[in-house]
N, C-alpha and C. Protein backbone atom coordinates (compact mmCIF):
# COMPACT_ATOMS: atom_id res chain seq x y z
N MET A 1 27.31 3.62 47.63
CA MET A 1 25.91 3.26 47.12
C MET A 1 25.32 2.30 48.08
N TYR A 2 23.89 2.59 48.16
CA TYR A 2 23.09 1.64 48.86
C TYR A 2 22.68 0.45 48.11
N GLN A 3 22.54 -0.74 48.83
CA GLN A 3 22.07 -1.87 48.13
C GLN A 3 20.80 -2.28 48.87
N LEU A 4 19.64 -2.32 48.21
CA LEU A 4 18.41 -2.72 48.82
C LEU A 4 18.00 -4.13 48.29
N TYR A 5 18.01 -5.08 49.08
CA TYR A 5 17.53 -6.40 48.85
C TYR A 5 16.00 -6.38 49.03
N TYR A 6 15.28 -6.65 47.94
CA TYR A 6 13.85 -6.40 47.93
C TYR A 6 13.14 -7.53 47.16
N TYR A 7 11.75 -7.46 47.32
CA TYR A 7 10.85 -8.24 46.44
C TYR A 7 9.69 -7.30 46.22
N PRO A 8 9.13 -7.33 45.01
CA PRO A 8 8.06 -6.36 44.72
C PRO A 8 6.88 -6.44 45.66
N ASN A 9 6.44 -5.23 46.04
CA ASN A 9 5.23 -5.13 46.91
C ASN A 9 5.37 -5.86 48.22
N ASN A 10 6.65 -5.87 48.76
CA ASN A 10 6.94 -6.46 50.01
C ASN A 10 7.29 -5.35 51.07
N ALA A 11 7.81 -5.71 52.18
CA ALA A 11 8.24 -4.77 53.28
C ALA A 11 9.36 -3.89 52.74
N SER A 12 9.90 -4.17 51.68
CA SER A 12 10.96 -3.36 51.08
C SER A 12 10.39 -2.18 50.34
N LEU A 13 9.14 -2.14 50.16
CA LEU A 13 8.46 -0.97 49.28
C LEU A 13 8.74 0.35 50.03
N ALA A 14 8.51 0.50 51.32
CA ALA A 14 8.75 1.80 51.95
C ALA A 14 10.09 2.26 51.84
N PRO A 15 11.16 1.42 52.17
CA PRO A 15 12.58 1.89 51.95
C PRO A 15 12.86 2.23 50.47
N HIS A 16 12.30 1.42 49.58
CA HIS A 16 12.52 1.87 48.14
C HIS A 16 11.98 3.11 47.80
N LEU A 17 10.77 3.48 48.41
CA LEU A 17 10.22 4.78 48.14
C LEU A 17 11.03 5.90 48.71
N LEU A 18 11.69 5.68 49.87
CA LEU A 18 12.51 6.63 50.42
C LEU A 18 13.85 6.83 49.67
N LEU A 19 14.48 5.71 49.24
CA LEU A 19 15.69 5.82 48.44
C LEU A 19 15.37 6.63 47.17
N ASN A 20 14.28 6.38 46.52
CA ASN A 20 14.00 7.00 45.33
C ASN A 20 13.58 8.47 45.52
N HIS A 21 12.85 8.80 46.53
CA HIS A 21 12.45 10.14 46.89
C HIS A 21 13.75 10.95 47.15
N MET A 22 14.69 10.45 47.83
CA MET A 22 15.86 11.10 48.19
C MET A 22 16.95 11.19 46.96
N GLN A 23 16.60 10.51 45.90
CA GLN A 23 17.37 10.46 44.71
C GLN A 23 18.85 10.01 45.10
N LEU A 24 18.93 9.01 46.02
CA LEU A 24 20.18 8.46 46.39
C LEU A 24 20.70 7.47 45.41
N ASP A 25 22.01 7.13 45.50
CA ASP A 25 22.65 6.26 44.63
C ASP A 25 22.35 4.83 45.16
N TYR A 26 21.41 4.11 44.51
CA TYR A 26 21.09 2.69 45.06
C TYR A 26 20.95 1.69 44.03
N GLU A 27 21.15 0.42 44.50
CA GLU A 27 20.94 -0.70 43.61
C GLU A 27 19.89 -1.58 44.22
N LEU A 28 18.99 -2.08 43.28
CA LEU A 28 18.01 -3.03 43.80
C LEU A 28 18.40 -4.42 43.44
N LEU A 29 18.40 -5.24 44.50
CA LEU A 29 18.85 -6.66 44.34
C LEU A 29 17.57 -7.58 44.68
N LEU A 30 17.06 -8.32 43.74
CA LEU A 30 15.97 -9.09 43.91
C LEU A 30 16.14 -10.31 44.76
N VAL A 31 15.35 -10.48 45.80
CA VAL A 31 15.36 -11.63 46.66
C VAL A 31 14.12 -12.45 46.28
N ASP A 32 14.26 -13.47 45.52
CA ASP A 32 13.10 -14.16 44.93
C ASP A 32 12.38 -15.06 45.87
N LYS A 33 11.27 -14.60 46.36
CA LYS A 33 10.50 -15.41 47.37
C LYS A 33 9.90 -16.62 46.73
N LYS A 34 9.71 -16.64 45.43
CA LYS A 34 9.15 -17.84 44.82
C LYS A 34 10.08 -19.01 44.96
N THR A 35 11.34 -18.79 45.00
CA THR A 35 12.37 -19.83 45.17
C THR A 35 12.88 -19.87 46.62
N ASN A 36 12.30 -19.16 47.52
CA ASN A 36 12.59 -19.06 48.97
C ASN A 36 14.09 -18.61 49.12
N SER A 37 14.49 -17.62 48.31
CA SER A 37 15.90 -17.15 48.40
C SER A 37 16.22 -16.46 49.65
N GLN A 38 15.18 -15.96 50.32
CA GLN A 38 15.40 -15.20 51.57
C GLN A 38 15.90 -16.17 52.65
N LYS A 39 15.81 -17.44 52.42
CA LYS A 39 16.35 -18.46 53.33
C LYS A 39 17.55 -19.19 52.94
N SER A 40 18.17 -18.51 51.85
CA SER A 40 19.51 -19.07 51.46
C SER A 40 20.61 -18.77 52.32
N ALA A 41 21.67 -19.55 52.33
CA ALA A 41 22.78 -19.35 53.17
C ALA A 41 23.39 -17.93 52.90
N ASP A 42 23.56 -17.54 51.80
CA ASP A 42 24.22 -16.22 51.49
C ASP A 42 23.40 -15.15 52.01
N TYR A 43 22.06 -15.19 51.81
CA TYR A 43 21.16 -14.06 52.30
C TYR A 43 21.10 -14.12 53.80
N LEU A 44 21.13 -15.32 54.50
CA LEU A 44 20.98 -15.35 55.91
C LEU A 44 22.27 -14.75 56.61
N LYS A 45 23.35 -14.71 55.85
CA LYS A 45 24.57 -13.98 56.42
C LYS A 45 24.28 -12.49 56.52
N LEU A 46 23.49 -11.98 55.70
CA LEU A 46 23.11 -10.56 55.77
C LEU A 46 21.94 -10.29 56.70
N ASN A 47 21.05 -11.15 56.73
CA ASN A 47 19.81 -11.00 57.45
C ASN A 47 19.39 -12.34 58.10
N PRO A 48 19.91 -12.61 59.31
CA PRO A 48 19.68 -13.92 59.98
C PRO A 48 18.19 -14.22 60.09
N ALA A 49 17.36 -13.20 60.11
CA ALA A 49 15.91 -13.48 60.23
C ALA A 49 15.27 -14.13 58.99
N GLY A 50 16.06 -13.98 57.90
CA GLY A 50 15.56 -14.56 56.59
C GLY A 50 14.32 -13.91 56.07
N ARG A 51 14.25 -12.58 56.18
CA ARG A 51 13.14 -11.74 55.85
C ARG A 51 13.66 -10.69 54.86
N ILE A 52 12.68 -10.01 54.24
CA ILE A 52 12.92 -8.91 53.28
C ILE A 52 12.33 -7.69 53.95
N PRO A 53 12.96 -6.51 53.99
CA PRO A 53 14.20 -6.22 53.26
C PRO A 53 15.50 -6.29 53.98
N THR A 54 16.57 -6.09 53.37
CA THR A 54 17.86 -5.76 53.88
C THR A 54 18.47 -4.61 53.16
N LEU A 55 19.06 -3.68 53.85
CA LEU A 55 19.76 -2.53 53.23
C LEU A 55 21.25 -2.66 53.60
N VAL A 56 22.04 -2.55 52.61
CA VAL A 56 23.49 -2.65 52.78
C VAL A 56 24.18 -1.41 52.41
N VAL A 57 24.99 -0.80 53.23
CA VAL A 57 25.71 0.37 52.94
C VAL A 57 27.09 0.36 53.71
N ASP A 58 28.17 0.63 53.01
CA ASP A 58 29.46 0.61 53.62
C ASP A 58 29.71 -0.82 54.28
N ASN A 59 29.26 -1.90 53.59
CA ASN A 59 29.43 -3.31 54.10
C ASN A 59 28.75 -3.47 55.38
N GLN A 60 27.81 -2.57 55.79
CA GLN A 60 26.96 -2.97 56.93
C GLN A 60 25.61 -3.22 56.51
N ALA A 61 25.03 -4.40 57.02
CA ALA A 61 23.66 -4.79 56.68
C ALA A 61 22.74 -4.35 57.74
N LEU A 62 21.61 -3.81 57.35
CA LEU A 62 20.54 -3.44 58.28
C LEU A 62 19.23 -3.98 57.91
N PHE A 63 18.51 -4.72 58.77
CA PHE A 63 17.22 -5.21 58.37
C PHE A 63 16.09 -4.70 59.31
N GLU A 64 14.88 -5.02 58.99
CA GLU A 64 13.70 -4.44 59.57
C GLU A 64 13.30 -3.12 58.88
N SER A 65 12.17 -3.11 58.19
CA SER A 65 11.86 -2.04 57.30
C SER A 65 11.74 -0.67 58.18
N PRO A 66 11.07 -0.59 59.22
CA PRO A 66 11.07 0.65 60.03
C PRO A 66 12.46 1.15 60.45
N ALA A 67 13.34 0.23 60.78
CA ALA A 67 14.71 0.60 61.16
C ALA A 67 15.42 1.22 59.99
N ILE A 68 15.24 0.64 58.82
CA ILE A 68 15.84 1.14 57.51
C ILE A 68 15.34 2.56 57.22
N CYS A 69 13.94 2.74 57.35
CA CYS A 69 13.37 4.01 57.11
C CYS A 69 13.89 5.09 57.97
N ILE A 70 13.98 4.80 59.28
CA ILE A 70 14.53 5.78 60.29
C ILE A 70 15.96 6.07 59.94
N HIS A 71 16.72 5.06 59.70
CA HIS A 71 18.15 5.27 59.33
C HIS A 71 18.30 6.20 58.21
N LEU A 72 17.51 5.89 57.14
CA LEU A 72 17.65 6.73 55.86
C LEU A 72 17.25 8.22 56.11
N CYS A 73 16.19 8.38 56.97
CA CYS A 73 15.72 9.70 57.29
C CYS A 73 16.78 10.52 58.19
N GLU A 74 17.42 9.82 59.10
CA GLU A 74 18.40 10.49 59.98
C GLU A 74 19.71 10.72 59.20
N THR A 75 19.98 9.80 58.24
CA THR A 75 21.26 10.06 57.52
C THR A 75 21.14 11.16 56.45
N HIS A 76 19.86 11.40 56.06
CA HIS A 76 19.60 12.46 55.05
C HIS A 76 18.58 13.40 55.49
N PRO A 77 18.83 14.13 56.58
CA PRO A 77 17.79 15.05 57.09
C PRO A 77 17.38 16.19 56.26
N GLU A 78 18.15 16.43 55.33
CA GLU A 78 17.82 17.55 54.36
C GLU A 78 16.56 17.37 53.51
N HIS A 79 16.11 16.09 53.55
CA HIS A 79 14.80 15.83 52.82
C HIS A 79 13.58 15.92 53.72
N HIS A 80 13.79 16.18 55.01
CA HIS A 80 12.69 16.38 55.80
C HIS A 80 11.60 15.35 55.97
N LEU A 81 12.00 14.06 55.90
CA LEU A 81 10.98 13.04 55.86
C LEU A 81 10.77 12.48 57.27
N MET A 82 11.49 13.07 58.24
CA MET A 82 11.25 12.81 59.62
C MET A 82 11.41 14.04 60.45
N PRO A 83 10.49 14.36 61.30
CA PRO A 83 10.66 15.57 62.20
C PRO A 83 12.00 15.69 62.92
N ALA A 84 12.56 16.79 63.05
CA ALA A 84 13.81 16.92 63.78
C ALA A 84 13.66 16.86 65.23
N ILE A 85 14.79 16.60 65.94
CA ILE A 85 14.76 16.57 67.41
C ILE A 85 14.25 17.88 67.88
N GLY A 86 13.33 17.80 68.87
CA GLY A 86 12.72 19.06 69.43
C GLY A 86 11.42 19.41 68.76
N ASP A 87 11.20 18.94 67.45
CA ASP A 87 9.90 19.21 66.79
C ASP A 87 8.80 18.38 67.55
N PRO A 88 7.66 19.06 67.85
CA PRO A 88 6.62 18.35 68.58
C PRO A 88 6.00 17.28 67.79
N LEU A 89 6.25 17.19 66.52
CA LEU A 89 5.64 16.13 65.71
C LEU A 89 6.60 14.92 65.63
N ARG A 90 7.77 15.01 66.18
CA ARG A 90 8.78 13.93 66.21
C ARG A 90 8.24 12.70 66.96
N PRO A 91 7.74 12.85 68.23
CA PRO A 91 7.23 11.78 68.87
C PRO A 91 5.99 11.06 68.24
N LEU A 92 5.16 11.92 67.48
CA LEU A 92 4.09 11.42 66.75
C LEU A 92 4.64 10.54 65.56
N PHE A 93 5.72 10.92 65.00
CA PHE A 93 6.34 10.19 63.91
C PHE A 93 6.53 8.74 64.42
N PHE A 94 7.27 8.60 65.53
CA PHE A 94 7.64 7.28 66.08
C PHE A 94 6.34 6.60 66.50
N GLN A 95 5.33 7.31 66.99
CA GLN A 95 4.03 6.71 67.48
C GLN A 95 3.46 5.98 66.26
N TRP A 96 3.21 6.79 65.20
CA TRP A 96 2.50 6.16 64.06
C TRP A 96 3.27 5.12 63.33
N LEU A 97 4.65 5.27 63.25
CA LEU A 97 5.47 4.25 62.51
C LEU A 97 5.39 2.95 63.50
N THR A 98 5.46 3.07 64.70
CA THR A 98 5.26 1.93 65.51
C THR A 98 4.01 1.25 65.54
N TYR A 99 2.97 2.08 65.51
CA TYR A 99 1.61 1.54 65.39
C TYR A 99 1.36 0.82 64.12
N MET A 100 1.79 1.37 63.02
CA MET A 100 1.69 0.68 61.76
C MET A 100 2.39 -0.65 61.67
N ASN A 101 3.64 -0.62 62.20
CA ASN A 101 4.49 -1.84 62.15
C ASN A 101 3.94 -2.91 63.21
N ASN A 102 3.73 -2.47 64.38
CA ASN A 102 3.36 -3.53 65.48
C ASN A 102 1.88 -3.90 65.47
N THR A 103 0.91 -3.01 64.92
CA THR A 103 -0.41 -3.35 65.03
C THR A 103 -0.93 -3.68 63.64
N LEU A 104 -1.00 -2.72 62.68
CA LEU A 104 -1.66 -2.94 61.36
C LEU A 104 -0.79 -4.08 60.65
N GLN A 105 0.49 -3.92 60.53
CA GLN A 105 1.31 -4.89 59.73
C GLN A 105 1.25 -6.30 60.40
N SER A 106 1.20 -6.28 61.72
CA SER A 106 1.07 -7.57 62.51
C SER A 106 -0.18 -8.32 62.25
N GLU A 107 -1.30 -7.49 62.19
CA GLU A 107 -2.51 -8.05 61.90
C GLU A 107 -2.65 -8.60 60.48
N LEU A 108 -2.06 -7.86 59.47
CA LEU A 108 -1.99 -8.28 58.16
C LEU A 108 -1.19 -9.55 57.96
N MET A 109 -0.12 -9.68 58.77
CA MET A 109 0.70 -10.96 58.59
C MET A 109 -0.01 -12.17 58.99
N VAL A 110 -0.86 -12.03 60.14
CA VAL A 110 -1.61 -13.14 60.56
C VAL A 110 -2.62 -13.52 59.54
N TYR A 111 -3.25 -12.46 58.97
CA TYR A 111 -4.23 -12.72 57.85
C TYR A 111 -3.65 -13.46 56.76
N TYR A 112 -2.51 -13.07 56.22
CA TYR A 112 -1.93 -13.67 55.02
C TYR A 112 -1.21 -14.96 55.33
N TYR A 113 -0.78 -15.22 56.44
CA TYR A 113 -0.03 -16.43 56.71
C TYR A 113 -0.75 -17.26 57.72
N ALA A 114 -2.11 -17.28 57.84
CA ALA A 114 -2.82 -18.12 58.73
C ALA A 114 -2.57 -19.51 58.47
N HIS A 115 -2.31 -19.91 57.16
CA HIS A 115 -2.04 -21.24 56.76
C HIS A 115 -0.84 -21.88 57.18
N ARG A 116 0.08 -21.12 57.79
CA ARG A 116 1.29 -21.65 58.30
C ARG A 116 1.12 -22.26 59.65
N HIS A 117 0.02 -21.99 60.28
CA HIS A 117 -0.18 -22.57 61.68
C HIS A 117 -1.20 -23.78 61.78
N THR A 118 -1.84 -24.09 60.64
CA THR A 118 -2.74 -25.17 60.65
C THR A 118 -3.14 -25.53 59.23
N ASP A 119 -3.54 -26.84 59.02
CA ASP A 119 -4.08 -27.26 57.68
C ASP A 119 -5.53 -27.31 57.73
N ASP A 120 -6.13 -26.96 58.87
CA ASP A 120 -7.63 -27.02 58.94
C ASP A 120 -8.27 -25.83 58.26
N ALA A 121 -8.97 -26.11 57.14
CA ALA A 121 -9.50 -25.08 56.33
C ALA A 121 -10.50 -24.23 57.03
N ALA A 122 -11.26 -24.79 57.84
CA ALA A 122 -12.28 -24.03 58.58
C ALA A 122 -11.66 -23.06 59.61
N TYR A 123 -10.63 -23.68 60.28
CA TYR A 123 -9.87 -22.76 61.30
C TYR A 123 -9.19 -21.60 60.51
N ILE A 124 -8.58 -21.82 59.37
CA ILE A 124 -7.94 -20.78 58.68
C ILE A 124 -8.94 -19.69 58.37
N SER A 125 -10.14 -20.21 57.79
CA SER A 125 -11.27 -19.24 57.46
C SER A 125 -11.72 -18.45 58.58
N ASN A 126 -11.76 -19.04 59.84
CA ASN A 126 -12.16 -18.31 61.01
C ASN A 126 -11.10 -17.18 61.40
N ILE A 127 -9.83 -17.64 61.36
CA ILE A 127 -8.72 -16.69 61.62
C ILE A 127 -8.72 -15.49 60.66
N LYS A 128 -8.89 -15.74 59.34
CA LYS A 128 -9.00 -14.69 58.39
C LYS A 128 -10.17 -13.69 58.54
N ALA A 129 -11.28 -14.29 58.97
CA ALA A 129 -12.43 -13.49 59.29
C ALA A 129 -12.18 -12.54 60.43
N ALA A 130 -11.61 -13.13 61.49
CA ALA A 130 -11.32 -12.30 62.71
C ALA A 130 -10.22 -11.22 62.40
N GLN A 131 -9.34 -11.68 61.56
CA GLN A 131 -8.26 -10.65 61.17
C GLN A 131 -8.87 -9.46 60.34
N GLN A 132 -9.84 -9.83 59.53
CA GLN A 132 -10.46 -8.74 58.68
C GLN A 132 -11.04 -7.66 59.62
N ILE A 133 -11.65 -8.07 60.70
CA ILE A 133 -12.27 -7.16 61.69
C ILE A 133 -11.05 -6.37 62.31
N ARG A 134 -10.02 -6.99 62.74
CA ARG A 134 -8.95 -6.27 63.47
C ARG A 134 -8.30 -5.29 62.48
N ILE A 135 -8.05 -5.68 61.25
CA ILE A 135 -7.37 -4.81 60.29
C ILE A 135 -8.24 -3.60 60.01
N ALA A 136 -9.59 -3.80 59.89
CA ALA A 136 -10.54 -2.64 59.71
C ALA A 136 -10.53 -1.71 60.84
N GLU A 137 -10.40 -2.27 62.04
CA GLU A 137 -10.36 -1.46 63.24
C GLU A 137 -9.12 -0.55 63.22
N SER A 138 -8.00 -1.09 62.81
CA SER A 138 -6.77 -0.33 62.75
C SER A 138 -6.80 0.77 61.65
N LEU A 139 -7.43 0.42 60.53
CA LEU A 139 -7.50 1.31 59.42
C LEU A 139 -8.52 2.50 59.81
N ALA A 140 -9.42 2.14 60.63
CA ALA A 140 -10.48 3.25 61.11
C ALA A 140 -9.70 4.22 62.01
N ILE A 141 -8.84 3.80 62.71
CA ILE A 141 -8.06 4.71 63.64
C ILE A 141 -7.20 5.62 62.75
N ILE A 142 -6.68 5.09 61.78
CA ILE A 142 -5.77 5.94 60.85
C ILE A 142 -6.65 6.92 60.08
N ASN A 143 -7.89 6.38 59.61
CA ASN A 143 -8.76 7.22 58.87
C ASN A 143 -9.19 8.52 59.73
N ASP A 144 -9.41 8.28 61.02
CA ASP A 144 -9.80 9.41 61.83
C ASP A 144 -8.62 10.32 62.03
N GLN A 145 -7.44 9.87 62.00
CA GLN A 145 -6.28 10.78 62.06
C GLN A 145 -6.18 11.68 60.76
N LEU A 146 -6.66 11.07 59.71
CA LEU A 146 -6.53 11.83 58.42
C LEU A 146 -7.71 12.74 58.19
N SER A 147 -8.69 12.81 59.16
CA SER A 147 -9.90 13.55 58.90
C SER A 147 -9.54 15.06 58.67
N ASP A 148 -8.49 15.52 59.34
CA ASP A 148 -8.11 16.99 59.23
C ASP A 148 -6.64 17.16 58.91
N HIS A 149 -6.08 16.17 58.27
CA HIS A 149 -4.63 16.17 58.01
C HIS A 149 -4.49 15.79 56.50
N HIS A 150 -3.61 16.55 55.83
CA HIS A 150 -3.27 16.18 54.42
C HIS A 150 -2.42 15.06 54.31
N TYR A 151 -1.47 14.93 55.31
CA TYR A 151 -0.55 13.67 55.42
C TYR A 151 -0.76 13.18 56.81
N LEU A 152 -0.17 12.05 57.17
CA LEU A 152 -0.51 11.41 58.41
C LEU A 152 -0.14 12.34 59.61
N LEU A 153 0.97 13.06 59.49
CA LEU A 153 1.38 13.96 60.65
C LEU A 153 0.86 15.39 60.51
N GLY A 154 0.24 15.72 59.38
CA GLY A 154 -0.14 17.04 59.17
C GLY A 154 0.07 17.47 57.67
N GLU A 155 0.61 18.57 57.50
CA GLU A 155 0.85 19.13 56.03
C GLU A 155 2.15 18.61 55.43
N GLN A 156 2.96 17.98 56.17
CA GLN A 156 4.35 17.63 55.67
C GLN A 156 4.40 16.17 55.41
N LEU A 157 4.73 15.70 54.13
CA LEU A 157 4.99 14.28 53.85
C LEU A 157 6.21 13.86 54.64
N THR A 158 5.95 12.64 55.22
CA THR A 158 7.03 11.97 56.00
C THR A 158 7.15 10.59 55.55
N ALA A 159 8.19 9.88 56.10
CA ALA A 159 8.42 8.49 55.87
C ALA A 159 7.13 7.64 56.34
N CYS A 160 6.46 8.13 57.29
CA CYS A 160 5.25 7.44 57.81
C CYS A 160 4.29 7.28 56.69
N ASP A 161 4.17 8.24 55.72
CA ASP A 161 3.18 8.21 54.70
C ASP A 161 3.69 7.11 53.64
N TYR A 162 4.89 6.92 53.41
CA TYR A 162 5.31 5.93 52.53
C TYR A 162 5.11 4.50 53.14
N PHE A 163 5.30 4.39 54.46
CA PHE A 163 5.05 3.15 55.17
C PHE A 163 3.51 2.85 55.14
N LEU A 164 2.81 3.84 55.30
CA LEU A 164 1.35 3.62 55.30
C LEU A 164 0.82 3.23 53.92
N PHE A 165 1.38 3.84 52.82
CA PHE A 165 0.89 3.45 51.51
C PHE A 165 1.25 2.02 51.27
N MET A 166 2.38 1.49 51.72
CA MET A 166 2.70 0.14 51.60
C MET A 166 1.71 -0.79 52.21
N LEU A 167 1.31 -0.49 53.48
CA LEU A 167 0.38 -1.31 54.16
C LEU A 167 -1.09 -1.25 53.56
N CYS A 168 -1.38 -0.11 53.02
CA CYS A 168 -2.67 0.10 52.49
C CYS A 168 -2.71 -0.75 51.14
N GLU A 169 -1.71 -0.84 50.50
CA GLU A 169 -1.60 -1.63 49.23
C GLU A 169 -1.92 -3.21 49.61
N TRP A 170 -1.29 -3.56 50.75
CA TRP A 170 -1.53 -4.95 51.13
C TRP A 170 -2.95 -5.16 51.67
N SER A 171 -3.58 -4.13 52.06
CA SER A 171 -4.93 -4.27 52.67
C SER A 171 -6.09 -4.25 51.73
N LEU A 172 -5.71 -4.12 50.44
CA LEU A 172 -6.82 -3.92 49.42
C LEU A 172 -7.75 -5.24 49.39
N PRO A 173 -7.22 -6.49 49.60
CA PRO A 173 -8.19 -7.64 49.56
C PRO A 173 -9.13 -7.69 50.74
N ILE A 174 -8.92 -6.92 51.71
CA ILE A 174 -9.81 -6.93 52.87
C ILE A 174 -11.27 -6.34 52.53
N THR A 175 -12.22 -6.91 53.13
CA THR A 175 -13.66 -6.45 52.85
C THR A 175 -13.76 -4.93 53.10
N ASP A 176 -13.40 -4.51 54.33
CA ASP A 176 -13.35 -3.14 54.74
C ASP A 176 -11.98 -2.54 54.43
N ASN A 177 -11.62 -2.50 53.19
CA ASN A 177 -10.29 -2.09 52.74
C ASN A 177 -10.09 -0.68 52.91
N PRO A 178 -8.90 -0.15 52.76
CA PRO A 178 -8.68 1.34 52.90
C PRO A 178 -9.51 2.28 52.02
N LEU A 179 -9.98 1.71 50.81
CA LEU A 179 -10.77 2.58 49.98
C LEU A 179 -12.23 2.68 50.43
N THR A 180 -12.53 1.91 51.45
CA THR A 180 -13.92 2.09 52.00
C THR A 180 -14.03 3.15 53.07
N PHE A 181 -12.92 3.67 53.41
CA PHE A 181 -12.82 4.86 54.41
C PHE A 181 -12.65 6.16 53.69
N LYS A 182 -13.54 7.05 54.03
CA LYS A 182 -13.53 8.30 53.32
C LYS A 182 -12.20 9.14 53.17
N HIS A 183 -11.72 9.35 54.39
CA HIS A 183 -10.46 10.17 54.53
C HIS A 183 -9.29 9.38 54.03
N LEU A 184 -9.11 8.19 54.29
CA LEU A 184 -8.05 7.27 53.89
C LEU A 184 -8.06 7.07 52.32
N ALA A 185 -9.23 6.89 51.74
CA ALA A 185 -9.29 6.88 50.34
C ALA A 185 -8.82 8.16 49.69
N ALA A 186 -9.34 9.32 50.14
CA ALA A 186 -8.86 10.51 49.45
C ALA A 186 -7.35 10.81 49.66
N TYR A 187 -6.85 10.36 50.84
CA TYR A 187 -5.43 10.50 51.06
C TYR A 187 -4.65 9.66 50.15
N LEU A 188 -5.05 8.42 49.89
CA LEU A 188 -4.41 7.49 49.01
C LEU A 188 -4.39 8.01 47.49
N GLN A 189 -5.48 8.71 47.16
CA GLN A 189 -5.60 9.32 45.82
C GLN A 189 -4.51 10.42 45.76
N ARG A 190 -4.33 11.19 46.76
CA ARG A 190 -3.33 12.29 46.73
C ARG A 190 -1.90 11.59 46.64
N LEU A 191 -1.63 10.54 47.37
CA LEU A 191 -0.35 9.93 47.41
C LEU A 191 0.01 9.42 46.07
N CYS A 192 -0.99 8.85 45.36
CA CYS A 192 -0.77 8.15 44.06
C CYS A 192 -0.57 9.19 42.96
N ALA A 193 -0.67 10.51 43.27
CA ALA A 193 -0.39 11.59 42.37
C ALA A 193 0.98 11.95 42.42
N LEU A 194 1.68 11.50 43.47
CA LEU A 194 3.14 11.89 43.65
C LEU A 194 4.02 11.19 42.62
N PRO A 195 4.92 11.91 41.98
CA PRO A 195 5.68 11.27 40.97
C PRO A 195 6.54 10.16 41.55
N ASN A 196 7.00 10.36 42.73
CA ASN A 196 7.91 9.25 43.26
C ASN A 196 7.18 7.94 43.42
N ILE A 197 5.84 8.05 43.91
CA ILE A 197 5.10 6.76 44.04
C ILE A 197 4.79 6.19 42.76
N LYS A 198 4.46 6.99 41.78
CA LYS A 198 4.32 6.44 40.41
C LYS A 198 5.55 5.78 39.82
N GLU A 199 6.70 6.33 40.06
CA GLU A 199 7.88 5.83 39.49
C GLU A 199 8.25 4.50 40.12
N VAL A 200 8.20 4.41 41.47
CA VAL A 200 8.61 3.20 42.17
C VAL A 200 7.54 2.13 41.88
N CYS A 201 6.28 2.48 41.88
CA CYS A 201 5.33 1.40 41.63
C CYS A 201 5.44 0.90 40.12
N ALA A 202 5.87 1.76 39.28
CA ALA A 202 6.15 1.27 37.89
C ALA A 202 7.33 0.20 37.83
N ILE A 203 8.35 0.55 38.61
CA ILE A 203 9.52 -0.35 38.74
C ILE A 203 9.07 -1.67 39.40
N GLU A 204 8.23 -1.66 40.38
CA GLU A 204 7.79 -2.82 41.04
C GLU A 204 6.60 -3.43 40.53
N ARG A 205 5.98 -2.83 39.47
CA ARG A 205 4.92 -3.26 38.74
C ARG A 205 3.63 -3.51 39.64
N ILE A 206 3.44 -2.40 40.41
CA ILE A 206 2.38 -2.35 41.37
C ILE A 206 1.20 -1.49 40.65
N ASP A 207 0.05 -2.02 40.64
CA ASP A 207 -1.08 -1.42 39.95
C ASP A 207 -1.64 -0.33 40.81
N LEU A 208 -1.59 0.92 40.33
CA LEU A 208 -2.16 2.03 41.09
C LEU A 208 -3.64 2.35 40.70
N SER A 209 -4.21 1.61 39.82
CA SER A 209 -5.50 1.95 39.33
C SER A 209 -6.62 1.86 40.36
N PRO A 210 -6.54 0.91 41.35
CA PRO A 210 -7.62 0.88 42.33
C PRO A 210 -7.65 2.09 43.20
N PHE A 211 -6.53 2.71 43.46
CA PHE A 211 -6.47 3.90 44.22
C PHE A 211 -6.96 5.17 43.47
N GLN A 212 -6.49 5.15 42.29
CA GLN A 212 -6.96 6.32 41.38
C GLN A 212 -8.39 6.33 40.98
N ALA A 213 -9.05 5.22 41.16
CA ALA A 213 -10.43 5.13 40.73
C ALA A 213 -11.33 5.51 41.81
N THR A 214 -10.79 5.86 43.02
CA THR A 214 -11.66 6.16 44.18
C THR A 214 -12.25 7.48 43.98
N LYS A 215 -13.30 7.79 44.52
CA LYS A 215 -14.11 9.08 44.46
C LYS A 215 -14.54 9.52 45.83
């Protein structure tokens, strides 16, 4: 059995979507960020970075959301959520997963945690304004990729799509959010029609109505 240490609508969402999609035997273990449980001594033994998520299988702990996603896809290739070795789409899988993690997610983290670096309200406001521009620029690149693709890599759903859904959910408060981009908005509507996304979002109490209301 897999054990996923998670918090709703956190970086654990993409691994949760994969576990559920694959219909694997897994247990969700809440790490309560409200009480800073991710910094507890017990949790730090599993994940010394003190972040969410952590996946445990066969007494081995694995952290970092992209690494967990890749591990699950490689361990269960029958679900075809990552292109196989030799498939020309495989390098693009790693390209987009890395881009989303290192660029879009990194820009979102600066936006959401600007207050950790200063108490100056004006400075925080300036940081968040600058980050809104950077996030929109990243979303625009993804929107262009989706102009002639059903999913991020083409016609086949992959783990990249679940990772992108997670980041788009976090991007909703941005002025130029994903729903302001034509192709990205239509793509998110398609994703929200998938039974797996509906089921996991119900478990994590994530409201899908903003995506479903797009036209």
